[in-house]
Amino acid sequence: MSEQQHINLRVEGMTCDSCADHVSRALAGVPGVIQVNVPGWQSGQAELVTNPDVPDQALVEAVEAAGYRVTSADRRPLPPTEETGSRRPTVVGGRDYDLMVIGGGSAGFAAAIRGAELGARVGLVNDGAIGLGGTCVNIGCVPSKTLIRTAEAWHKAGHHPFTGAHTRQVDLDWSRVIGQKDELVAELRQAKYADVLAAYPQITLIEGRAHFDGDGTLTVGDRAYQAGKYIITTGAHPWLPDLPGADEMDVLTSTTAMTLSQQPRSLVVLGGRFVALELGQTFARFGTAVTILQRSPRIIPQREPEIGDALRGYLEDEGITVVTGVKLLELRTEGDEKIVVAEVEGERREFRAQQVLAALGHIPNTGGLGLEDAGVALGPQGHVQVSPTLQTTNPDVYAAGDVTGLADYVYVAAAGGVIAAENALTGSERRLDLSALPEVMFTDPQVATVGLTEGQAREAGYDVKTSLLPLEHVPRALAARDTRGLIKLVADQATDRLLGAHVLAAEAGEVIQVAVLALKAGYTTRELATTIFPYLTMVEGLKLAAQTFEKDVAKLSCCAG
């Protein structure tokens, strides 16, 4: 039996809601048309589900008879999907869309595209505050990583590769650095979001701020919409410290720090985790005097202490001042200096700089959405509460991405968007599995982890064993003349099963996915130690770290297995 068809018609001549009704009734009268949706006269389109033998000409003639004109017709089969068998999204007449996604970032795009692939009519709401594509492409991953890479190249170019002696011959052109970053952001925003959106006629982009109403509709601007299901993907924004003097000081966030028109002479960074360390090292390598103030006794406190301690040493070797155990007290300004007043080991201290950057976490973008009216519960920190299937306390509303507070990584947001769309439209009840989540911090050296730390494993009741391999035992690190770092593995003593892998290395982000797969496959450390790895690669360090459970790798030849 042939598949039903999904047809999208572009219609000219509609000028009011009555026009949309006329077109809808005209198309519904064509034999073989199963379902018609005209999502408002402004959309300029009509979406149909038909039997396969309905010709385009019959649809064109019906629209023309009603006094309007069809300019294009896009037809495609509406097949069952691999995940859902014969189950298709429920489409109810009278609704504007089958699915409305609130938020135009990575999670929102992933949800909208998956909805379109499943045959749904999707409305994608973007408020435009950040730009199409959301945090990652505009103010997050893309701009920060390109600045990190530029700073790394600048740093290495200014030092002799073997002796480390300073060899800088030219001054930094800050405006060019920022300009090249902005060019890349614009290119990717167009190529990976605007152009991609144009390839899916089933997705309608709706610009404006969204608000849930008590009657079950969603208002964007001055228009109310109704959909079968909704997905909240509004993300989060940087949190600024609530300190005396904060209102009088222009404190930088990760967003504004990357748009500075002039490079700061000095910078105090509040925080000692991912964003703080990445941007702190980046500015330092460009020549800014950087001081990092971290509340916890060590930087990246959620990571293995060996990694945090080693990384601190490497940052300090580059001239960065790292102060831990800091209690922030107040902010104030004197002339062109910004001052952070803090207590360190019981002593009141002042830290002065031209700029202050707050990298203390994020706040979910849930304000003004009317979630209480929609029956969507929020957690203590304002995050949307979701089940393992990403469903909120309103069964018709799902959420994905940073707004949920599950894990603020773009790849988690995208995966969650896909799962939320499938569950919302098909009832498949897929779960977002973060049990083997790779995490990478793009300092130099990088920090990459997956699974449990030693402390977490002990708290979970495991009889823990660990191995610790300095990179001086990894041939790749020796050949690259960069032995900064280590690899730590955590395993269950009783079963030998790998529980966690933690890497500090220049190429740690390229190593960690092998450990992810080993965790998902339930590998033992012996199985990892006896797996064949390519020689002179950093990932070979995982094998050597696994061998360290039973052998002294210092006594092995280069390729000994």
Protein backbone atom coordinates (compact mmCIF):
# COMPACT_ATOMS: atom_id res chain seq x y z
CA MET A 1 0.00 0.00 0.00
CA SER A 2 1.41 3.45 -0.94
CA GLU A 3 2.22 5.94 1.75
CA GLN A 4 0.13 8.98 2.42
CA GLN A 5 1.59 12.26 1.22
CA HIS A 6 2.52 15.41 3.10
CA ILE A 7 2.08 18.44 0.81
CA ASN A 8 3.10 22.00 1.55
CA LEU A 9 1.54 24.66 -0.71
CA ARG A 10 2.74 28.25 -0.92
CA VAL A 11 -0.37 30.37 -1.36
CA GLU A 12 -0.53 34.02 -2.46
CA GLY A 13 -3.42 36.42 -1.97
CA MET A 14 -4.48 35.70 1.63
CA THR A 15 -4.96 38.93 3.58
CA CYS A 16 -7.08 37.98 6.61
CA ASP A 17 -8.28 35.07 8.75
CA SER A 18 -11.32 34.63 6.50
CA CYS A 19 -8.98 34.07 3.57
CA ALA A 20 -7.27 31.26 5.46
CA ASP A 21 -10.66 29.69 6.14
CA HIS A 22 -11.63 29.92 2.46
CA VAL A 23 -8.43 28.21 1.35
CA SER A 24 -8.81 25.53 4.01
CA ARG A 25 -12.39 24.72 3.00
CA ALA A 26 -11.50 24.68 -0.70
CA LEU A 27 -8.69 22.19 -0.18
CA ALA A 28 -10.72 20.03 2.19
CA GLY A 29 -13.27 19.58 -0.62
CA VAL A 30 -10.75 17.91 -2.95
CA PRO A 31 -11.30 14.11 -3.05
CA GLY A 32 -8.46 12.26 -1.33
CA VAL A 33 -7.49 15.10 1.02
CA ILE A 34 -7.37 13.69 4.53
CA GLN A 35 -6.34 16.71 6.52
CA VAL A 36 -5.77 20.45 5.94
CA ASN A 37 -4.04 23.06 8.05
CA VAL A 38 -3.62 26.70 7.10
CA PRO A 39 -1.60 28.16 10.00
CA GLY A 40 -2.89 31.70 9.60
CA TRP A 41 -3.03 33.90 6.53
CA GLN A 42 0.34 35.49 7.43
CA SER A 43 2.12 32.17 6.91
CA GLY A 44 1.25 32.11 3.22
CA GLN A 45 1.05 28.35 3.23
CA ALA A 46 -1.27 25.40 3.47
CA GLU A 47 -0.23 21.98 4.76
CA LEU A 48 -2.07 18.83 3.78
CA VAL A 49 -2.09 15.10 4.32
CA THR A 50 -3.52 13.33 1.29
CA ASN A 51 -3.88 9.97 -0.35
CA PRO A 52 -1.05 9.32 -2.83
CA ASP A 53 -3.21 9.67 -5.94
CA VAL A 54 -4.28 13.28 -5.34
CA PRO A 55 -2.67 15.34 -8.15
CA ASP A 56 -1.12 18.73 -7.51
CA GLN A 57 -3.25 20.21 -10.28
CA ALA A 58 -6.46 19.40 -8.41
CA LEU A 59 -5.18 21.29 -5.38
CA VAL A 60 -4.03 24.24 -7.48
CA GLU A 61 -7.41 24.48 -9.19
CA ALA A 62 -9.29 24.34 -5.88
CA VAL A 63 -7.23 27.22 -4.48
CA GLU A 64 -7.67 29.26 -7.67
CA ALA A 65 -11.42 28.67 -7.62
CA ALA A 66 -11.47 30.19 -4.13
CA GLY A 67 -9.73 33.32 -5.49
CA TYR A 68 -6.09 32.68 -4.54
CA ARG A 69 -2.92 31.41 -6.26
CA VAL A 70 -0.51 28.54 -5.58
CA THR A 71 3.13 29.43 -6.29
CA SER A 72 4.77 26.14 -5.29
CA ALA A 73 3.94 22.66 -4.04
CA ASP A 74 6.32 20.50 -2.05
CA ARG A 75 5.30 16.85 -1.82
CA ARG A 76 6.86 14.01 0.16
CA PRO A 77 5.75 10.65 1.54
CA LEU A 78 4.56 10.47 5.14
CA PRO A 79 6.12 7.12 6.14
CA PRO A 80 6.22 5.40 9.49
CA THR A 81 9.50 5.97 11.31
CA GLU A 82 11.96 3.34 12.42
CA GLU A 83 11.55 4.32 16.06
CA THR A 84 7.77 4.45 16.12
CA GLY A 85 6.62 1.85 13.60
CA SER A 86 3.27 2.88 12.17
CA ARG A 87 2.58 5.51 14.81
CA ARG A 88 2.55 9.06 13.48
CA PRO A 89 2.18 12.34 15.31
CA THR A 90 -1.37 13.16 16.25
CA VAL A 91 -2.69 16.02 14.10
CA VAL A 92 -5.84 17.69 15.29
CA GLY A 93 -7.85 20.02 13.09
CA GLY A 94 -8.09 23.62 14.29
CA ARG A 95 -4.64 23.69 15.89
CA ASP A 96 -2.02 25.97 14.43
CA TYR A 97 0.78 23.44 14.85
CA ASP A 98 1.28 19.89 15.99
CA LEU A 99 4.33 21.00 17.93
CA MET A 100 5.52 24.39 19.13
CA VAL A 101 9.13 24.78 20.26
CA ILE A 102 9.91 27.81 22.41
CA GLY A 103 13.57 28.73 21.95
CA GLY A 104 15.73 28.95 18.83
CA GLY A 105 18.95 27.47 20.17
CA SER A 106 20.53 24.04 19.74
CA ALA A 107 17.87 22.15 21.71
CA GLY A 108 15.09 24.02 19.93
CA PHE A 109 16.50 23.40 16.46
CA ALA A 110 17.08 19.72 17.21
CA ALA A 111 13.49 19.38 18.46
CA ALA A 112 12.01 21.26 15.51
CA ILE A 113 13.96 19.27 12.92
CA ARG A 114 13.03 15.96 14.54
CA GLY A 115 9.41 17.04 14.63
CA ALA A 116 9.53 17.86 10.92
CA GLU A 117 11.15 14.49 10.17
CA LEU A 118 8.24 12.84 11.97
CA GLY A 119 5.78 14.63 9.71
CA ALA A 120 4.61 17.25 12.19
CA ARG A 121 3.82 20.90 11.54
CA VAL A 122 6.23 22.77 13.78
CA GLY A 123 6.23 26.36 15.03
CA LEU A 124 9.67 27.48 16.23
CA VAL A 125 9.56 30.57 18.45
CA ASN A 126 12.72 32.66 18.73
CA ASP A 127 12.77 35.90 20.70
CA GLY A 128 15.86 37.21 18.92
CA ALA A 129 17.60 38.44 22.08
CA ILE A 130 20.71 36.38 21.37
CA GLY A 131 20.20 35.54 17.72
CA LEU A 132 19.12 32.52 15.75
CA GLY A 133 21.03 29.50 17.02
CA GLY A 134 21.01 30.52 20.68
CA THR A 135 23.93 30.51 23.08
CA CYS A 136 26.32 28.04 21.43
CA VAL A 137 26.87 29.67 18.07
CA ASN A 138 26.38 33.29 19.15
CA ILE A 139 27.86 33.77 22.62
CA GLY A 140 29.04 30.37 23.82
CA CYS A 141 30.96 27.48 22.30
CA VAL A 142 31.80 28.93 18.89
CA PRO A 143 33.16 32.35 19.92
CA SER A 144 34.90 31.06 23.06
CA LYS A 145 36.60 28.13 21.34
CA THR A 146 37.83 30.21 18.43
CA LEU A 147 39.31 32.75 20.88
CA ILE A 148 40.85 29.90 22.90
CA ARG A 149 42.47 28.48 19.77
CA THR A 150 43.70 31.90 18.66
CA ALA A 151 45.18 32.57 22.10
CA GLU A 152 46.86 29.17 22.09
CA ALA A 153 48.45 29.85 18.70
CA TRP A 154 49.52 33.34 19.81
CA HIS A 155 51.01 31.95 23.01
CA LYS A 156 52.96 29.20 21.24
CA ALA A 157 54.15 31.52 18.47
CA GLY A 158 55.68 33.83 21.09
CA HIS A 159 57.81 31.15 22.75
CA HIS A 160 60.60 28.91 21.52
CA PRO A 161 59.07 25.40 21.07
CA PHE A 162 61.79 23.66 23.10
CA THR A 163 63.34 26.18 25.48
CA GLY A 164 60.20 28.21 26.20
CA ALA A 165 62.15 31.46 25.77
CA HIS A 166 60.04 34.51 24.83
CA THR A 167 60.36 35.38 21.13
CA ARG A 168 57.44 37.81 20.57
CA GLN A 169 58.18 40.22 17.71
CA VAL A 170 54.82 41.87 16.99
CA ASP A 171 51.97 43.32 19.04
CA LEU A 172 48.53 41.74 19.23
CA ASP A 173 45.85 43.23 16.96
CA TRP A 174 42.86 42.86 19.31
CA SER A 175 40.30 44.30 16.88
CA ARG A 176 41.35 41.74 14.28
CA VAL A 177 41.03 38.89 16.80
CA ILE A 178 37.50 39.95 17.73
CA GLY A 179 36.60 40.64 14.09
CA GLN A 180 37.64 37.16 12.96
CA LYS A 181 35.65 35.66 15.82
CA ASP A 182 32.57 37.64 14.79
CA GLU A 183 32.98 36.57 11.16
CA LEU A 184 33.02 32.90 12.12
CA VAL A 185 29.95 33.34 14.33
CA ALA A 186 28.04 35.00 11.49
CA GLU A 187 29.08 32.32 9.00
CA LEU A 188 28.01 29.43 11.22
CA ARG A 189 24.78 31.14 12.28
CA GLN A 190 23.82 31.42 8.63
CA ALA A 191 25.08 28.01 7.47
CA LYS A 192 24.03 25.87 10.44
CA TYR A 193 20.80 27.59 11.45
CA ALA A 194 19.24 30.00 8.95
CA ASP A 195 20.08 27.87 5.90
CA VAL A 196 19.15 24.65 7.68
CA LEU A 197 15.80 26.10 8.68
CA ALA A 198 15.06 27.00 5.06
CA ALA A 199 15.45 23.33 4.14
CA TYR A 200 12.43 22.35 6.28
CA PRO A 201 9.21 23.90 4.96
CA GLN A 202 7.28 22.13 7.73
CA ILE A 203 8.96 24.45 10.26
CA THR A 204 7.63 27.99 10.62
CA LEU A 205 9.91 30.48 12.37
CA ILE A 206 7.96 32.82 14.65
CA GLU A 207 9.90 35.80 15.98
CA GLY A 208 8.93 37.20 19.38
CA ARG A 209 8.64 36.40 23.09
CA ALA A 210 6.33 33.57 24.09
CA HIS A 211 3.93 33.40 27.03
CA PHE A 212 1.69 30.53 28.09
CA ASP A 213 -1.89 31.57 28.74
CA GLY A 214 -4.33 30.00 31.15
CA ASP A 215 -6.60 28.85 28.30
CA GLY A 216 -4.01 26.44 26.88
CA THR A 217 -2.72 28.74 24.16
CA LEU A 218 0.70 30.29 23.62
CA THR A 219 0.88 33.99 22.87
CA VAL A 220 3.75 35.38 20.79
CA GLY A 221 3.53 39.11 20.31
CA ASP A 222 -0.11 39.95 19.74
CA ARG A 223 -1.14 36.54 18.42
CA ALA A 224 -2.27 33.41 20.25
CA TYR A 225 -1.33 29.95 18.96
CA GLN A 226 -2.54 26.50 19.85
CA ALA A 227 -0.53 23.32 19.42
CA GLY A 228 -0.85 19.68 20.29
CA LYS A 229 2.41 19.65 22.25
CA TYR A 230 4.99 22.17 23.39
CA ILE A 231 8.73 21.99 24.11
CA ILE A 232 10.51 24.62 26.22
CA THR A 233 14.12 25.17 25.10
CA THR A 234 14.77 28.72 26.29
CA GLY A 235 18.25 28.06 27.73
CA ALA A 236 19.96 30.03 30.49
CA HIS A 237 21.98 33.20 31.01
CA PRO A 238 25.05 34.06 33.13
CA TRP A 239 24.47 34.75 36.81
CA LEU A 240 25.86 37.96 38.28
CA PRO A 241 26.90 38.05 41.95
CA ASP A 242 24.52 39.63 44.44
CA LEU A 243 27.18 41.64 46.24
CA PRO A 244 27.29 45.15 47.69
CA GLY A 245 28.44 47.46 44.90
CA ALA A 246 27.54 45.08 42.08
CA ASP A 247 24.85 47.44 40.77
CA GLU A 248 27.39 50.25 40.45
CA MET A 249 30.01 48.16 38.62
CA ASP A 250 29.85 47.01 35.02
CA VAL A 251 30.79 43.38 35.69
CA LEU A 252 31.62 41.33 32.61
CA THR A 253 29.98 38.01 31.80
CA SER A 254 31.22 35.40 29.37
CA THR A 255 29.04 37.13 26.77
CA THR A 256 30.32 40.65 27.19
CA ALA A 257 33.93 39.62 27.79
CA MET A 258 34.10 38.23 24.26
CA THR A 259 32.83 41.46 22.71
CA LEU A 260 35.20 43.94 24.37
CA SER A 261 36.42 46.56 21.93
CA GLN A 262 39.73 46.81 23.76
CA GLN A 263 41.85 44.17 25.44
CA PRO A 264 41.91 44.74 29.22
CA ARG A 265 45.30 45.32 30.83
CA SER A 266 44.22 43.29 33.85
CA LEU A 267 41.30 41.03 34.73
CA VAL A 268 39.91 39.49 37.91
CA VAL A 269 37.86 36.36 37.24
CA LEU A 270 35.25 35.31 39.79
CA GLY A 271 34.98 31.52 39.65
CA GLY A 272 37.26 28.56 39.11
CA ARG A 273 35.36 26.16 36.88
CA PHE A 274 34.92 25.71 33.14
CA VAL A 275 34.11 29.20 31.86
CA ALA A 276 36.34 30.96 34.38
CA LEU A 277 39.42 28.88 33.57
CA GLU A 278 38.91 28.79 29.80
CA LEU A 279 38.47 32.54 29.44
CA GLY A 280 40.99 33.36 32.17
CA GLN A 281 43.74 31.44 30.39
CA THR A 282 42.67 32.88 27.02
CA PHE A 283 42.99 36.49 28.18
CA ALA A 284 46.27 35.71 29.95
CA ARG A 285 47.75 34.26 26.79
CA PHE A 286 46.79 37.41 24.92
CA GLY A 287 48.81 39.38 27.48
CA THR A 288 46.24 40.39 30.11
CA ALA A 289 47.29 40.09 33.78
CA VAL A 290 44.75 37.60 35.16
CA THR A 291 43.75 36.74 38.72
CA ILE A 292 41.32 33.88 39.35
CA LEU A 293 39.29 33.87 42.60
CA GLN A 294 37.66 30.55 43.48
CA ARG A 295 35.38 29.94 46.45
CA SER A 296 36.25 26.25 46.88
CA PRO A 297 39.59 25.02 48.27
CA ARG A 298 40.66 24.07 44.74
CA ILE A 299 39.76 24.87 41.16
CA ILE A 300 37.31 22.56 39.32
CA PRO A 301 36.31 21.00 42.66
CA GLN A 302 33.93 18.55 40.98
CA ARG A 303 36.89 16.91 39.21
CA GLU A 304 39.62 14.68 40.59
CA PRO A 305 41.89 16.59 43.01
CA GLU A 306 45.01 15.40 41.17
CA ILE A 307 43.73 17.07 38.00
CA GLY A 308 42.71 20.31 39.71
CA ASP A 309 46.04 20.59 41.53
CA ALA A 310 48.08 19.86 38.41
CA LEU A 311 46.10 22.29 36.25
CA ARG A 312 46.49 25.04 38.84
CA GLY A 313 50.24 24.57 38.66
CA TYR A 314 50.25 24.85 34.87
CA LEU A 315 48.14 28.02 34.96
CA GLU A 316 50.43 29.57 37.55
CA ASP A 317 53.44 28.64 35.40
CA GLU A 318 51.92 30.86 32.72
CA GLY A 319 51.73 33.79 35.12
CA ILE A 320 48.10 33.50 36.17
CA THR A 321 47.38 34.20 39.84
CA VAL A 322 45.04 31.58 41.32
CA VAL A 323 43.52 32.18 44.75
CA THR A 324 41.25 29.55 46.33
CA GLY A 325 39.16 29.50 49.49
CA VAL A 326 37.79 32.94 48.63
CA LYS A 327 34.69 34.49 50.19
CA LEU A 328 33.51 37.45 48.10
CA LEU A 329 32.46 40.47 50.18
CA GLU A 330 31.87 43.49 47.96
CA LEU A 331 32.70 45.29 44.72
CA ARG A 332 33.66 48.91 44.24
CA THR A 333 35.25 51.23 41.71
CA GLU A 334 38.09 53.72 42.18
CA GLY A 335 38.88 55.75 39.09
CA ASP A 336 39.54 53.33 36.23
CA GLU A 337 40.14 50.41 38.61
CA LYS A 338 37.59 47.83 39.67
CA ILE A 339 38.12 46.31 43.09
CA VAL A 340 36.96 42.96 44.43
CA VAL A 341 36.99 42.79 48.22
CA ALA A 342 37.21 39.27 49.60
CA GLU A 343 38.15 37.24 52.65
CA VAL A 344 40.93 34.70 52.14
CA GLU A 345 41.92 32.47 55.07
CA GLY A 346 40.37 34.92 57.49
CA GLU A 347 42.20 37.91 56.00
CA ARG A 348 40.44 40.77 54.20
CA ARG A 349 42.07 41.35 50.82
CA GLU A 350 41.50 43.56 47.78
CA PHE A 351 42.04 42.50 44.18
CA ARG A 352 42.29 45.31 41.62
CA ALA A 353 41.96 45.17 37.85
CA GLN A 354 40.70 47.08 34.84
CA GLN A 355 37.88 44.55 34.37
CA VAL A 356 36.06 41.98 36.48
CA LEU A 357 34.56 38.86 34.89
CA ALA A 358 31.87 36.85 36.70
CA ALA A 359 31.86 33.19 35.73
CA LEU A 360 29.76 31.80 38.55
CA GLY A 361 27.14 29.75 36.75
CA HIS A 362 23.89 30.32 34.90
CA ILE A 363 20.24 31.11 35.59
CA PRO A 364 17.50 29.38 33.54
CA ASN A 365 15.47 31.57 31.18
CA THR A 366 12.04 30.85 32.64
CA GLY A 367 10.92 34.34 33.66
CA GLY A 368 7.96 35.79 31.81
CA LEU A 369 6.95 32.50 30.18
CA GLY A 370 3.80 32.07 32.25
CA LEU A 371 4.81 28.57 33.27
CA GLU A 372 2.72 28.69 36.43
CA ASP A 373 -0.37 29.31 34.28
CA ALA A 374 0.63 26.33 32.16
CA GLY A 375 1.00 24.01 35.17
CA VAL A 376 4.76 23.63 34.63
CA ALA A 377 6.65 23.25 37.91
CA LEU A 378 10.06 24.82 38.52
CA GLY A 379 12.84 23.64 40.79
CA PRO A 380 14.46 25.67 43.60
CA GLN A 381 16.94 27.26 41.18
CA GLY A 382 14.23 28.11 38.65
CA HIS A 383 14.92 25.22 36.27
CA VAL A 384 12.03 23.47 34.56
CA GLN A 385 11.45 20.17 36.32
CA VAL A 386 11.35 17.24 33.93
CA SER A 387 10.95 13.48 34.14
CA PRO A 388 13.56 11.11 32.61
CA THR A 389 11.53 11.39 29.38
CA LEU A 390 11.82 15.22 29.55
CA GLN A 391 8.12 15.67 30.25
CA THR A 392 7.16 18.48 32.63
CA THR A 393 4.37 18.42 35.19
CA ASN A 394 2.05 19.41 32.33
CA PRO A 395 1.76 16.25 30.17
CA ASP A 396 1.52 18.35 26.99
CA VAL A 397 4.70 20.28 27.72
CA TYR A 398 8.28 18.99 27.49
CA ALA A 399 11.61 20.75 28.05
CA ALA A 400 15.22 20.26 26.96
CA GLY A 401 18.57 21.98 27.20
CA ASP A 402 20.03 24.35 29.77
CA VAL A 403 16.59 25.43 30.99
CA THR A 404 16.26 22.01 32.66
CA GLY A 405 19.57 22.25 34.52
CA LEU A 406 20.45 18.64 33.68
CA ALA A 407 23.84 19.30 32.06
CA ASP A 408 24.64 22.58 30.35
CA TYR A 409 26.40 21.26 27.26
CA VAL A 410 25.27 21.92 23.72
CA TYR A 411 25.44 18.25 22.77
CA VAL A 412 23.21 17.34 25.71
CA ALA A 413 20.78 20.06 24.67
CA ALA A 414 20.62 18.75 21.11
CA ALA A 415 20.16 15.15 22.23
CA GLY A 416 17.44 16.25 24.64
CA GLY A 417 15.66 18.22 21.94
CA VAL A 418 15.44 15.16 19.71
CA ILE A 419 14.18 12.95 22.54
CA ALA A 420 11.63 15.52 23.70
CA ALA A 421 10.21 15.86 20.19
CA GLU A 422 9.91 12.11 19.71
CA ASN A 423 8.28 11.60 23.09
CA ALA A 424 5.91 14.52 22.64
CA LEU A 425 4.76 13.46 19.19
CA THR A 426 4.80 9.68 19.39
CA GLY A 427 4.62 8.78 23.07
CA SER A 428 7.75 6.67 22.69
CA GLU A 429 8.97 7.46 26.27
CA ARG A 430 12.66 7.53 25.37
CA ARG A 431 14.92 8.61 28.22
CA LEU A 432 17.86 10.99 28.20
CA ASP A 433 20.71 8.79 29.39
CA LEU A 434 23.55 10.80 30.97
CA SER A 435 25.20 7.85 32.70
CA ALA A 436 28.22 7.99 30.37
CA LEU A 437 28.38 11.72 29.66
CA PRO A 438 31.70 13.02 28.27
CA GLU A 439 32.72 16.44 29.56
CA VAL A 440 35.56 18.54 28.16
CA MET A 441 37.10 21.77 29.46
CA PHE A 442 39.12 23.52 26.77
CA THR A 443 41.96 24.85 28.85
CA ASP A 444 45.49 23.94 27.81
CA PRO A 445 46.00 21.22 28.79
CA GLN A 446 42.39 20.13 28.40
CA VAL A 447 40.38 18.34 31.06
CA ALA A 448 38.12 15.52 29.84
CA THR A 449 36.14 13.18 32.04
CA VAL A 450 33.45 10.53 31.97
CA GLY A 451 31.85 8.43 34.67
CA LEU A 452 32.47 8.50 38.41
CA THR A 453 35.30 10.18 40.25
CA GLU A 454 37.02 8.24 43.00
CA GLY A 455 35.01 10.11 45.63
CA GLN A 456 31.70 9.56 43.85
CA ALA A 457 32.43 5.86 43.43
CA ARG A 458 33.16 5.45 47.13
CA GLU A 459 29.99 7.34 48.04
CA ALA A 460 28.07 4.96 45.77
CA GLY A 461 29.36 2.00 47.80
CA TYR A 462 31.96 0.58 45.42
CA ASP A 463 35.15 -1.08 46.61
CA VAL A 464 37.29 1.31 44.59
CA LYS A 465 40.67 0.87 42.95
CA THR A 466 42.42 3.56 40.92
CA SER A 467 45.38 3.98 38.61
CA LEU A 468 47.28 7.21 38.01
CA LEU A 469 49.48 7.62 34.95
CA PRO A 470 51.62 10.74 34.46
CA LEU A 471 51.93 11.67 30.79
CA GLU A 472 55.70 11.24 30.93
CA HIS A 473 54.91 7.56 30.37
CA VAL A 474 52.85 8.18 27.20
CA PRO A 475 55.01 8.08 24.03
CA ARG A 476 52.79 10.59 22.22
CA ALA A 477 53.36 13.17 24.95
CA LEU A 478 57.12 12.54 24.86
CA ALA A 479 57.24 12.91 21.07
CA ALA A 480 55.23 16.14 21.27
CA ARG A 481 57.53 17.40 24.04
CA ASP A 482 54.50 18.16 26.19
CA THR A 483 54.19 15.85 29.18
CA ARG A 484 51.86 18.13 31.14
CA GLY A 485 49.01 16.08 32.55
CA LEU A 486 47.89 12.70 33.73
CA ILE A 487 45.27 9.99 33.27
CA LYS A 488 43.33 8.58 36.21
CA LEU A 489 41.07 5.55 35.97
CA VAL A 490 38.53 4.50 38.59
CA ALA A 491 37.33 0.89 38.75
CA ASP A 492 35.40 -1.55 40.91
CA GLN A 493 37.80 -3.81 42.84
CA ALA A 494 35.28 -6.64 43.01
CA THR A 495 34.43 -6.87 39.29
CA ASP A 496 37.31 -4.93 37.66
CA ARG A 497 34.67 -2.94 35.76
CA LEU A 498 35.70 0.54 34.68
CA LEU A 499 33.72 3.23 36.53
CA GLY A 500 35.34 6.46 35.39
CA ALA A 501 38.13 7.97 33.30
CA HIS A 502 39.70 11.37 33.89
CA VAL A 503 42.26 12.91 31.53
CA LEU A 504 44.40 16.04 31.77
CA ALA A 505 46.26 16.40 28.48
CA ALA A 506 46.70 18.68 25.51
CA GLU A 507 44.45 16.37 23.49
CA ALA A 508 42.18 15.10 26.26
CA GLY A 509 38.99 15.92 24.34
CA GLU A 510 40.07 13.60 21.53
CA VAL A 511 40.75 10.78 24.01
CA ILE A 512 37.67 10.66 26.18
CA GLN A 513 35.16 9.17 23.73
CA VAL A 514 36.99 5.84 23.77
CA ALA A 515 36.48 5.76 27.53
CA VAL A 516 32.80 6.63 26.99
CA LEU A 517 32.36 3.61 24.76
CA ALA A 518 34.26 1.41 27.22
CA LEU A 519 31.93 2.49 30.03
CA LYS A 520 28.82 1.91 27.95
CA ALA A 521 30.08 -1.53 26.95
CA GLY A 522 30.85 -2.45 30.56
CA TYR A 523 34.57 -2.98 29.93
CA THR A 524 36.86 -4.19 32.67
CA THR A 525 40.26 -2.59 33.10
CA ARG A 526 41.84 -5.84 31.93
CA GLU A 527 39.83 -5.71 28.70
CA LEU A 528 40.91 -2.11 28.18
CA ALA A 529 44.53 -3.01 28.93
CA THR A 530 44.54 -5.83 26.36
CA THR A 531 42.79 -3.88 23.59
CA ILE A 532 45.05 -2.92 20.68
CA PHE A 533 45.58 0.85 20.44
CA PRO A 534 47.52 2.68 17.71
CA TYR A 535 51.03 3.70 18.71
CA LEU A 536 52.02 7.32 19.17
CA THR A 537 48.51 8.49 19.86
CA MET A 538 47.34 10.15 23.04
CA VAL A 539 44.43 7.71 23.32
CA GLU A 540 47.02 4.96 23.83
CA GLY A 541 47.37 6.50 27.28
CA LEU A 542 44.07 4.86 28.27
CA LYS A 543 45.59 1.46 27.60
CA LEU A 544 48.72 2.33 29.56
CA ALA A 545 46.63 3.66 32.45
CA ALA A 546 44.68 0.40 32.48
CA GLN A 547 47.94 -1.60 32.46
CA THR A 548 49.08 0.46 35.45
CA PHE A 549 46.61 -1.47 37.62
CA GLU A 550 48.86 -4.52 37.34
CA LYS A 551 52.17 -3.38 35.85
CA ASP A 552 54.87 -0.77 36.22
CA VAL A 553 54.62 0.85 32.78
CA ALA A 554 57.99 2.52 33.33
CA LYS A 555 59.49 -0.94 32.83
CA LEU A 556 57.69 -1.59 29.52
CA SER A 557 59.14 -0.91 26.10
CA CYS A 558 57.28 1.58 23.89
CA CYS A 559 54.87 -0.88 22.28
CA ALA A 560 54.80 -3.61 24.90
CA GLY A 561 51.31 -4.96 25.47
